[in-house]
Every structure is written in C-alpha cells, then in structure tokens.
C-alpha cells in the first residue's frame, strides 16, 4: 500500500508519497525513479516520504513550500519526531540511497553523504498536515511493472530518435 498526497497548487503539480510500512519502503527504495527525492526524520524512526519532481528538475528546484509539505508530512509520520520540536529532516535524491544485504528491512544508507541535505522543522504545523491528509489516496501499485514500463518507453523513445536520425 502506498499513500499519495497532493502538494499545494501554488507549488506546482507534485505528487508526494510514502509507504505503509518498512516492507513497502523496501519496494519504494528498489523501484524508485531518478526524479524521486527521499525524506526521513534524522536519527529517528519515521516514514519514508518521497516527492517526484518533473523531468529535468533536480533537488535544487524544490520550492520552500514543497519542502515544507514534505518535511511536515515526514515529521507527522514519525512516532518520536511528531512529539518533539526542532527535528531535522534529511533529504536526498533517490539515486543516492544505498541498500546493502546486511541492512535491516527499511534501512538505508547513502552513496555520497555530501548529497544529503537537512532542513530543521521547528514544530508540527497542523494546518499543513491536515491539508495533506485531506488529499491522501491509498493505492496498491505494482511498482516493478510501473518501473519496467517507464524504462521500456524511454528505450523506445531513444530507438525512435536514432531511427529518425538515420533517415
């Protein structure tokens, strides 16, 4: 089960999503996209929250409003982090997530710690969390199939471009 949320329209048409539990997080880690940015409360147990950026965008393109939505959502979905003020939320591109066989289910590391950013969340803002929860939709996507379809479409586009260049 994956939960999907919509960011404020002012920040753009972005989908924010998170897994139901650590097992679903494993699937999200395994079948992510280059446009995905991962969020987690630092040094505490929390949900894994992602935002999928638009093609061509990078972590530098995340607006303050979108960053606030993601940070508030991940704080609200941390048993420990939700109870305290001044928590740090770390975020990094999906491609920077590192998973080794020795890691526990749902646990990740980073390929490059310099690519990890931190934002301080002073307190929970119920207005933001409630707004996001009103947009919450539960789905059971086949993440592997979805990823394979996107890869196939990308390969077909490259193939068609190469055909057009040779004619």
N, C-alpha and C. Protein backbone atom coordinates (compact mmCIF):
# COMPACT_ATOMS: atom_id res chain seq x y z
N UNK A 1 0.85 -1.18 0.00
CA UNK A 1 0.00 0.00 0.00
C UNK A 1 0.89 1.24 0.00
N UNK A 2 0.59 2.14 -0.88
CA UNK A 2 1.31 3.41 -0.94
C UNK A 2 0.28 4.51 -0.76
N UNK A 3 0.63 5.51 0.03
CA UNK A 3 -0.23 6.66 0.25
C UNK A 3 0.27 7.81 -0.61
N UNK A 4 -0.65 8.43 -1.34
CA UNK A 4 -0.31 9.54 -2.23
C UNK A 4 -0.97 10.81 -1.71
N UNK A 5 -0.25 11.92 -1.82
CA UNK A 5 -0.72 13.22 -1.35
C UNK A 5 -0.47 14.24 -2.45
N UNK A 6 -1.23 15.33 -2.42
CA UNK A 6 -1.02 16.41 -3.38
C UNK A 6 -0.49 17.64 -2.65
N UNK A 7 0.55 18.21 -3.22
CA UNK A 7 1.11 19.45 -2.67
C UNK A 7 0.16 20.61 -3.00
N UNK A 8 0.40 21.73 -2.36
CA UNK A 8 -0.38 22.94 -2.67
C UNK A 8 -0.29 23.27 -4.15
N UNK A 9 -1.40 23.67 -4.77
CA UNK A 9 -1.34 24.02 -6.20
C UNK A 9 -0.32 25.13 -6.50
N UNK A 10 -0.11 26.03 -5.56
CA UNK A 10 0.85 27.13 -5.79
C UNK A 10 2.27 26.64 -5.99
N UNK A 11 2.60 25.49 -5.40
CA UNK A 11 3.97 24.98 -5.52
C UNK A 11 4.14 24.11 -6.76
N UNK A 12 3.04 23.82 -7.44
CA UNK A 12 3.11 23.03 -8.66
C UNK A 12 2.42 21.69 -8.50
N UNK A 13 2.30 21.00 -9.60
CA UNK A 13 1.62 19.71 -9.62
C UNK A 13 2.60 18.60 -9.26
N UNK A 14 2.77 18.38 -7.98
CA UNK A 14 3.71 17.37 -7.49
C UNK A 14 2.96 16.33 -6.68
N UNK A 15 3.39 15.10 -6.83
CA UNK A 15 2.85 14.01 -6.02
C UNK A 15 3.86 13.67 -4.94
N UNK A 16 3.35 13.62 -3.73
CA UNK A 16 4.14 13.22 -2.57
C UNK A 16 3.61 11.84 -2.18
N UNK A 17 4.50 10.92 -1.84
CA UNK A 17 4.02 9.59 -1.50
C UNK A 17 4.88 8.95 -0.42
N UNK A 18 4.29 7.96 0.27
CA UNK A 18 5.02 7.23 1.31
C UNK A 18 4.45 5.82 1.42
N UNK A 19 5.29 4.91 1.84
CA UNK A 19 4.88 3.52 2.02
C UNK A 19 4.11 3.33 3.30
N UNK A 20 3.32 2.26 3.33
CA UNK A 20 2.54 1.91 4.51
C UNK A 20 3.43 1.50 5.68
N UNK A 21 4.50 0.75 5.37
CA UNK A 21 5.37 0.24 6.42
C UNK A 21 6.77 0.00 5.85
N UNK A 22 7.64 -0.58 6.66
CA UNK A 22 9.03 -0.77 6.23
C UNK A 22 9.15 -1.72 5.05
N UNK A 23 8.20 -2.64 4.91
CA UNK A 23 8.25 -3.57 3.77
C UNK A 23 7.88 -2.85 2.48
N UNK A 24 6.91 -1.98 2.56
CA UNK A 24 6.55 -1.17 1.39
C UNK A 24 7.69 -0.21 1.05
N UNK A 25 8.37 0.28 2.10
CA UNK A 25 9.52 1.16 1.86
C UNK A 25 10.59 0.45 1.05
N UNK A 26 10.77 -0.85 1.29
CA UNK A 26 11.75 -1.62 0.52
C UNK A 26 11.43 -1.57 -0.97
N UNK A 27 10.15 -1.69 -1.30
CA UNK A 27 9.73 -1.63 -2.70
C UNK A 27 9.97 -0.24 -3.28
N UNK A 28 9.67 0.78 -2.50
CA UNK A 28 9.88 2.15 -2.98
C UNK A 28 11.37 2.43 -3.18
N UNK A 29 12.21 1.88 -2.32
CA UNK A 29 13.65 2.04 -2.47
C UNK A 29 14.12 1.33 -3.74
N UNK A 30 13.62 0.14 -3.95
CA UNK A 30 14.06 -0.69 -5.07
C UNK A 30 13.59 -0.16 -6.43
N UNK A 31 12.38 0.36 -6.48
CA UNK A 31 11.79 0.74 -7.77
C UNK A 31 11.55 2.24 -7.91
N UNK A 32 12.44 3.04 -7.35
CA UNK A 32 12.30 4.48 -7.45
C UNK A 32 12.67 5.00 -8.83
N UNK A 33 12.51 6.29 -9.00
CA UNK A 33 12.82 6.97 -10.25
C UNK A 33 13.88 8.04 -10.00
N UNK A 34 14.64 8.39 -11.03
CA UNK A 34 15.66 9.43 -10.86
C UNK A 34 15.08 10.76 -10.38
N UNK A 35 13.81 11.00 -10.65
CA UNK A 35 13.17 12.26 -10.24
C UNK A 35 12.70 12.24 -8.79
N UNK A 36 12.82 11.11 -8.10
CA UNK A 36 12.33 10.99 -6.73
C UNK A 36 13.33 11.57 -5.73
N UNK A 37 12.79 12.33 -4.78
CA UNK A 37 13.58 12.84 -3.66
C UNK A 37 13.02 12.19 -2.39
N UNK A 38 13.91 11.62 -1.58
CA UNK A 38 13.55 10.86 -0.38
C UNK A 38 13.71 11.73 0.86
N UNK A 39 12.75 11.64 1.79
CA UNK A 39 12.77 12.40 3.05
C UNK A 39 12.63 11.45 4.23
N UNK A 40 13.32 11.78 5.34
CA UNK A 40 13.25 10.96 6.56
C UNK A 40 13.65 11.83 7.74
N UNK A 41 13.01 11.61 8.90
CA UNK A 41 13.44 12.31 10.11
C UNK A 41 14.81 11.76 10.49
N UNK A 42 15.75 12.65 10.72
CA UNK A 42 17.12 12.25 11.01
C UNK A 42 17.23 11.62 12.39
N UNK A 43 17.91 10.49 12.45
CA UNK A 43 18.24 9.80 13.70
C UNK A 43 17.02 9.33 14.50
N UNK A 44 15.87 9.21 13.83
CA UNK A 44 14.65 8.70 14.47
C UNK A 44 13.93 7.81 13.47
N UNK A 45 13.11 6.94 13.99
CA UNK A 45 12.26 6.13 13.12
C UNK A 45 11.20 7.04 12.51
N UNK A 46 10.97 6.89 11.23
CA UNK A 46 9.92 7.68 10.58
C UNK A 46 9.53 7.03 9.27
N UNK A 47 8.46 7.54 8.71
CA UNK A 47 8.06 7.11 7.37
C UNK A 47 9.13 7.55 6.38
N UNK A 48 9.14 6.88 5.24
CA UNK A 48 9.95 7.33 4.11
C UNK A 48 8.99 8.09 3.21
N UNK A 49 9.22 9.37 3.04
CA UNK A 49 8.37 10.21 2.20
C UNK A 49 9.17 10.57 0.96
N UNK A 50 8.50 10.57 -0.17
CA UNK A 50 9.12 10.92 -1.44
C UNK A 50 8.31 12.00 -2.13
N UNK A 51 8.98 12.79 -2.93
CA UNK A 51 8.30 13.66 -3.88
C UNK A 51 8.91 13.36 -5.24
N UNK A 52 8.06 13.26 -6.24
CA UNK A 52 8.54 13.01 -7.60
C UNK A 52 8.59 14.35 -8.33
N UNK A 53 9.80 14.76 -8.66
CA UNK A 53 9.99 16.00 -9.40
C UNK A 53 9.65 15.78 -10.87
N UNK A 54 9.55 16.88 -11.60
CA UNK A 54 9.30 16.80 -13.04
C UNK A 54 10.61 16.48 -13.75
N UNK A 55 10.50 15.86 -14.92
CA UNK A 55 11.70 15.53 -15.72
C UNK A 55 12.57 16.77 -15.86
N UNK A 56 13.86 16.59 -15.67
CA UNK A 56 14.80 17.70 -15.82
C UNK A 56 15.02 18.51 -14.56
N UNK A 57 14.17 18.33 -13.56
CA UNK A 57 14.34 19.07 -12.31
C UNK A 57 15.30 18.31 -11.39
N UNK A 58 15.91 19.07 -10.49
CA UNK A 58 16.82 18.49 -9.52
C UNK A 58 16.39 18.91 -8.12
N UNK A 59 17.09 18.42 -7.14
CA UNK A 59 16.82 18.77 -5.75
C UNK A 59 16.88 20.28 -5.53
N UNK A 60 17.66 20.98 -6.34
CA UNK A 60 17.77 22.44 -6.22
C UNK A 60 16.49 23.15 -6.64
N UNK A 61 15.61 22.47 -7.36
CA UNK A 61 14.38 23.08 -7.85
C UNK A 61 13.22 22.96 -6.87
N UNK A 62 13.43 22.32 -5.73
CA UNK A 62 12.35 22.17 -4.75
C UNK A 62 12.08 23.52 -4.11
N UNK A 63 10.84 23.98 -4.22
CA UNK A 63 10.48 25.26 -3.62
C UNK A 63 10.37 25.11 -2.10
N UNK A 64 10.40 26.25 -1.42
CA UNK A 64 10.27 26.21 0.04
C UNK A 64 8.93 25.62 0.46
N UNK A 65 7.87 25.91 -0.29
CA UNK A 65 6.55 25.37 0.04
C UNK A 65 6.49 23.86 -0.09
N UNK A 66 7.08 23.33 -1.16
CA UNK A 66 7.10 21.88 -1.37
C UNK A 66 7.98 21.21 -0.32
N UNK A 67 9.11 21.83 -0.01
CA UNK A 67 10.00 21.30 1.03
C UNK A 67 9.28 21.25 2.38
N UNK A 68 8.54 22.30 2.69
CA UNK A 68 7.79 22.36 3.95
C UNK A 68 6.72 21.27 4.00
N UNK A 69 6.00 21.06 2.89
CA UNK A 69 4.99 20.00 2.86
C UNK A 69 5.62 18.63 3.15
N UNK A 70 6.71 18.33 2.48
CA UNK A 70 7.37 17.02 2.66
C UNK A 70 7.92 16.86 4.07
N UNK A 71 8.55 17.91 4.57
CA UNK A 71 9.14 17.86 5.91
C UNK A 71 8.06 17.71 6.99
N UNK A 72 6.96 18.42 6.83
CA UNK A 72 5.87 18.30 7.80
C UNK A 72 5.24 16.91 7.76
N UNK A 73 5.09 16.36 6.56
CA UNK A 73 4.49 15.04 6.43
C UNK A 73 5.37 13.96 7.06
N UNK A 74 6.66 14.04 6.85
CA UNK A 74 7.56 13.03 7.41
C UNK A 74 7.64 13.18 8.94
N UNK A 75 7.62 14.41 9.44
CA UNK A 75 7.62 14.63 10.89
C UNK A 75 6.34 14.06 11.51
N UNK A 76 5.20 14.33 10.87
CA UNK A 76 3.92 13.85 11.39
C UNK A 76 3.83 12.33 11.39
N UNK A 77 4.62 11.68 10.55
CA UNK A 77 4.59 10.22 10.44
C UNK A 77 5.82 9.59 11.09
N UNK A 78 6.30 10.23 12.13
CA UNK A 78 7.36 9.70 12.98
C UNK A 78 6.83 9.68 14.41
N UNK A 79 6.77 8.51 15.01
CA UNK A 79 6.23 8.41 16.37
C UNK A 79 7.02 9.31 17.31
N UNK A 80 8.34 9.26 17.24
CA UNK A 80 9.18 10.10 18.11
C UNK A 80 9.19 11.55 17.62
N UNK A 81 9.44 11.73 16.35
CA UNK A 81 9.60 13.07 15.79
C UNK A 81 8.36 13.93 15.89
N UNK A 82 7.19 13.29 15.88
CA UNK A 82 5.94 14.03 15.96
C UNK A 82 5.73 14.63 17.34
N UNK A 83 6.41 14.10 18.36
CA UNK A 83 6.20 14.53 19.74
C UNK A 83 7.13 15.64 20.19
N UNK A 84 8.16 15.90 19.40
CA UNK A 84 9.16 16.89 19.83
C UNK A 84 9.30 18.00 18.79
N UNK A 85 9.79 19.13 19.27
CA UNK A 85 10.08 20.25 18.38
C UNK A 85 11.53 20.18 17.92
N UNK A 86 11.83 20.96 16.91
CA UNK A 86 13.20 21.08 16.39
C UNK A 86 13.81 19.74 15.98
N UNK A 87 13.15 19.09 15.03
CA UNK A 87 13.71 17.86 14.47
C UNK A 87 14.33 18.18 13.12
N UNK A 88 15.36 17.45 12.80
CA UNK A 88 15.99 17.58 11.48
C UNK A 88 15.41 16.53 10.55
N UNK A 89 15.11 16.97 9.35
CA UNK A 89 14.65 16.07 8.30
C UNK A 89 15.74 16.06 7.24
N UNK A 90 16.18 14.86 6.88
CA UNK A 90 17.19 14.73 5.83
C UNK A 90 16.48 14.39 4.53
N UNK A 91 17.06 14.86 3.43
CA UNK A 91 16.50 14.53 2.12
C UNK A 91 17.62 14.45 1.10
N UNK A 92 17.40 13.58 0.12
CA UNK A 92 18.42 13.31 -0.88
C UNK A 92 17.76 12.69 -2.10
N UNK A 93 18.40 12.77 -3.25
CA UNK A 93 17.85 12.08 -4.42
C UNK A 93 17.77 10.57 -4.20
N UNK A 94 16.75 9.96 -4.76
CA UNK A 94 16.58 8.51 -4.66
C UNK A 94 17.84 7.77 -5.10
N UNK A 95 18.49 8.27 -6.13
CA UNK A 95 19.69 7.61 -6.66
C UNK A 95 20.83 7.57 -5.65
N UNK A 96 20.75 8.39 -4.60
CA UNK A 96 21.79 8.41 -3.57
C UNK A 96 21.52 7.41 -2.44
N UNK A 97 20.35 6.78 -2.45
CA UNK A 97 20.04 5.79 -1.42
C UNK A 97 20.85 4.53 -1.66
N UNK A 98 21.41 4.01 -0.59
CA UNK A 98 22.26 2.82 -0.68
C UNK A 98 21.64 1.72 0.18
N UNK A 99 21.46 0.57 -0.42
CA UNK A 99 20.89 -0.58 0.28
C UNK A 99 21.86 -1.74 0.13
N UNK A 100 22.29 -2.29 1.26
CA UNK A 100 23.18 -3.45 1.24
C UNK A 100 22.46 -4.65 1.86
N UNK A 101 22.88 -5.85 1.54
CA UNK A 101 22.23 -7.05 2.08
C UNK A 101 22.25 -7.13 3.61
N UNK A 102 23.22 -6.51 4.25
CA UNK A 102 23.32 -6.59 5.71
C UNK A 102 22.36 -5.63 6.43
N UNK A 103 21.73 -4.73 5.70
CA UNK A 103 20.84 -3.75 6.32
C UNK A 103 19.48 -4.36 6.64
N UNK A 104 18.88 -3.87 7.72
CA UNK A 104 17.54 -4.30 8.10
C UNK A 104 16.52 -3.83 7.07
N UNK A 105 15.35 -4.44 7.10
CA UNK A 105 14.26 -4.04 6.22
C UNK A 105 13.93 -2.57 6.49
N UNK A 106 13.84 -1.78 5.44
CA UNK A 106 13.51 -0.36 5.56
C UNK A 106 14.70 0.54 5.85
N UNK A 107 15.83 -0.04 6.18
CA UNK A 107 17.03 0.75 6.50
C UNK A 107 17.78 1.09 5.22
N UNK A 108 18.29 2.32 5.16
CA UNK A 108 19.10 2.74 4.01
C UNK A 108 20.32 3.51 4.48
N UNK A 109 21.28 3.59 3.61
CA UNK A 109 22.44 4.45 3.79
C UNK A 109 22.54 5.34 2.56
N UNK A 110 23.67 5.98 2.41
CA UNK A 110 23.86 6.90 1.29
C UNK A 110 25.15 6.57 0.56
N UNK A 111 25.11 6.70 -0.75
CA UNK A 111 26.33 6.53 -1.54
C UNK A 111 27.28 7.70 -1.28
N UNK A 112 26.71 8.91 -1.18
CA UNK A 112 27.51 10.12 -1.03
C UNK A 112 26.85 11.02 0.01
N UNK A 113 27.43 11.11 1.19
CA UNK A 113 26.83 11.91 2.27
C UNK A 113 26.78 13.40 1.93
N UNK A 114 27.60 13.85 1.00
CA UNK A 114 27.57 15.26 0.61
C UNK A 114 26.32 15.62 -0.18
N UNK A 115 25.61 14.61 -0.69
CA UNK A 115 24.38 14.85 -1.43
C UNK A 115 23.15 14.92 -0.52
N UNK A 116 23.35 14.67 0.77
CA UNK A 116 22.24 14.68 1.73
C UNK A 116 22.08 16.09 2.28
N UNK A 117 20.86 16.58 2.26
CA UNK A 117 20.56 17.91 2.80
C UNK A 117 19.70 17.76 4.04
N UNK A 118 19.70 18.80 4.84
CA UNK A 118 18.94 18.79 6.08
C UNK A 118 18.10 20.05 6.19
N UNK A 119 16.88 19.89 6.65
CA UNK A 119 16.03 21.03 6.95
C UNK A 119 15.52 20.85 8.38
N UNK A 120 15.54 21.92 9.14
CA UNK A 120 15.06 21.89 10.53
C UNK A 120 13.56 22.17 10.53
N UNK A 121 12.81 21.32 11.21
CA UNK A 121 11.38 21.52 11.38
C UNK A 121 11.17 21.91 12.84
N UNK A 122 10.84 23.17 13.07
CA UNK A 122 10.71 23.67 14.43
C UNK A 122 9.55 23.03 15.18
N UNK A 123 8.41 22.93 14.50
CA UNK A 123 7.24 22.34 15.16
C UNK A 123 6.29 21.81 14.09
N UNK A 124 5.39 20.96 14.54
CA UNK A 124 4.37 20.44 13.63
C UNK A 124 3.39 21.56 13.32
N UNK A 125 3.07 21.70 12.06
CA UNK A 125 2.08 22.69 11.63
C UNK A 125 0.85 21.91 11.18
N UNK A 126 -0.15 21.84 12.07
CA UNK A 126 -1.33 21.03 11.81
C UNK A 126 -2.06 21.44 10.54
N UNK A 127 -2.06 22.72 10.22
CA UNK A 127 -2.73 23.19 9.01
C UNK A 127 -2.16 22.50 7.77
N UNK A 128 -0.85 22.36 7.71
CA UNK A 128 -0.21 21.70 6.56
C UNK A 128 -0.51 20.20 6.58
N UNK A 129 -0.32 19.56 7.72
CA UNK A 129 -0.54 18.11 7.83
C UNK A 129 -2.00 17.77 7.52
N UNK A 130 -2.94 18.54 8.05
CA UNK A 130 -4.36 18.29 7.79
C UNK A 130 -4.70 18.49 6.32
N UNK A 131 -4.14 19.53 5.71
CA UNK A 131 -4.39 19.78 4.28
C UNK A 131 -3.89 18.61 3.44
N UNK A 132 -2.68 18.13 3.74
CA UNK A 132 -2.13 16.99 3.00
C UNK A 132 -2.97 15.73 3.23
N UNK A 133 -3.37 15.50 4.47
CA UNK A 133 -4.17 14.30 4.77
C UNK A 133 -5.52 14.30 4.07
N UNK A 134 -6.06 15.48 3.78
CA UNK A 134 -7.33 15.56 3.04
C UNK A 134 -7.16 15.12 1.59
N UNK A 135 -5.95 15.14 1.08
CA UNK A 135 -5.69 14.72 -0.30
C UNK A 135 -5.21 13.27 -0.38
N UNK A 136 -5.09 12.63 0.76
CA UNK A 136 -4.50 11.28 0.84
C UNK A 136 -5.34 10.25 0.09
N UNK A 137 -4.64 9.49 -0.76
CA UNK A 137 -5.27 8.40 -1.52
C UNK A 137 -4.41 7.15 -1.32
N UNK A 138 -5.06 6.03 -1.05
CA UNK A 138 -4.34 4.76 -0.88
C UNK A 138 -4.43 3.97 -2.18
N UNK A 139 -3.28 3.45 -2.61
CA UNK A 139 -3.24 2.60 -3.81
C UNK A 139 -2.31 1.43 -3.56
N UNK A 140 -2.49 0.38 -4.37
CA UNK A 140 -1.60 -0.78 -4.32
C UNK A 140 -0.93 -0.91 -5.69
N UNK A 141 0.03 -0.05 -5.97
CA UNK A 141 0.65 -0.09 -7.29
C UNK A 141 1.60 -1.28 -7.44
N UNK A 142 1.74 -1.74 -8.67
CA UNK A 142 2.77 -2.74 -8.99
C UNK A 142 4.00 -1.92 -9.36
N UNK A 143 4.83 -1.63 -8.37
CA UNK A 143 5.96 -0.73 -8.57
C UNK A 143 6.96 -1.28 -9.59
N UNK A 144 7.18 -2.57 -9.56
CA UNK A 144 8.12 -3.18 -10.50
C UNK A 144 7.61 -3.02 -11.93
N UNK A 145 6.34 -3.34 -12.16
CA UNK A 145 5.77 -3.22 -13.51
C UNK A 145 5.80 -1.77 -13.98
N UNK A 146 5.47 -0.85 -13.09
CA UNK A 146 5.46 0.57 -13.46
C UNK A 146 6.86 1.02 -13.87
N UNK A 147 7.85 0.63 -13.10
CA UNK A 147 9.23 0.99 -13.43
C UNK A 147 9.65 0.38 -14.76
N UNK A 148 9.30 -0.89 -14.98
CA UNK A 148 9.65 -1.55 -16.24
C UNK A 148 8.99 -0.88 -17.44
N UNK A 149 7.76 -0.44 -17.29
CA UNK A 149 7.07 0.25 -18.39
C UNK A 149 7.78 1.56 -18.71
N UNK A 150 8.14 2.31 -17.70
CA UNK A 150 8.83 3.59 -17.92
C UNK A 150 10.18 3.35 -18.60
N UNK A 151 10.90 2.33 -18.18
CA UNK A 151 12.18 2.00 -18.81
C UNK A 151 11.96 1.63 -20.28
N UNK A 152 10.95 0.83 -20.56
CA UNK A 152 10.65 0.42 -21.93
C UNK A 152 10.30 1.62 -22.80
N UNK A 153 9.45 2.51 -22.28
CA UNK A 153 9.07 3.72 -23.03
C UNK A 153 10.30 4.56 -23.33
N UNK A 154 11.17 4.72 -22.36
CA UNK A 154 12.40 5.50 -22.56
C UNK A 154 13.27 4.87 -23.64
N UNK A 155 13.41 3.56 -23.60
CA UNK A 155 14.21 2.87 -24.63
C UNK A 155 13.59 3.04 -26.01
N UNK A 156 12.26 2.99 -26.08
CA UNK A 156 11.58 3.16 -27.37
C UNK A 156 11.79 4.57 -27.91
N UNK A 157 11.74 5.57 -27.04
CA UNK A 157 11.98 6.95 -27.47
C UNK A 157 13.38 7.09 -28.03
N UNK A 158 14.35 6.52 -27.35
CA UNK A 158 15.74 6.58 -27.82
C UNK A 158 15.87 5.88 -29.16
N UNK A 159 15.22 4.74 -29.29
CA UNK A 159 15.26 3.98 -30.55
C UNK A 159 14.63 4.79 -31.69
N UNK A 160 13.49 5.41 -31.43
CA UNK A 160 12.82 6.21 -32.46
C UNK A 160 13.66 7.41 -32.87
N UNK A 161 14.32 8.03 -31.91
CA UNK A 161 15.19 9.16 -32.22
C UNK A 161 16.35 8.71 -33.10
N UNK A 162 16.93 7.56 -32.76
CA UNK A 162 18.06 7.07 -33.57
C UNK A 162 17.60 6.69 -34.97
N UNK A 163 16.38 6.15 -35.10
CA UNK A 163 15.84 5.84 -36.43
C UNK A 163 15.63 7.11 -37.24
N UNK A 164 15.09 8.14 -36.59
CA UNK A 164 14.84 9.40 -37.28
C UNK A 164 16.14 10.05 -37.75
N UNK A 165 17.19 9.89 -36.97
CA UNK A 165 18.48 10.48 -37.33
C UNK A 165 19.14 9.75 -38.50
N UNK A 166 18.82 8.48 -38.69
CA UNK A 166 19.44 7.71 -39.78
C UNK A 166 18.66 7.83 -41.09
N UNK A 167 17.48 8.43 -41.05
CA UNK A 167 16.70 8.57 -42.30
C UNK A 167 16.77 9.97 -42.84
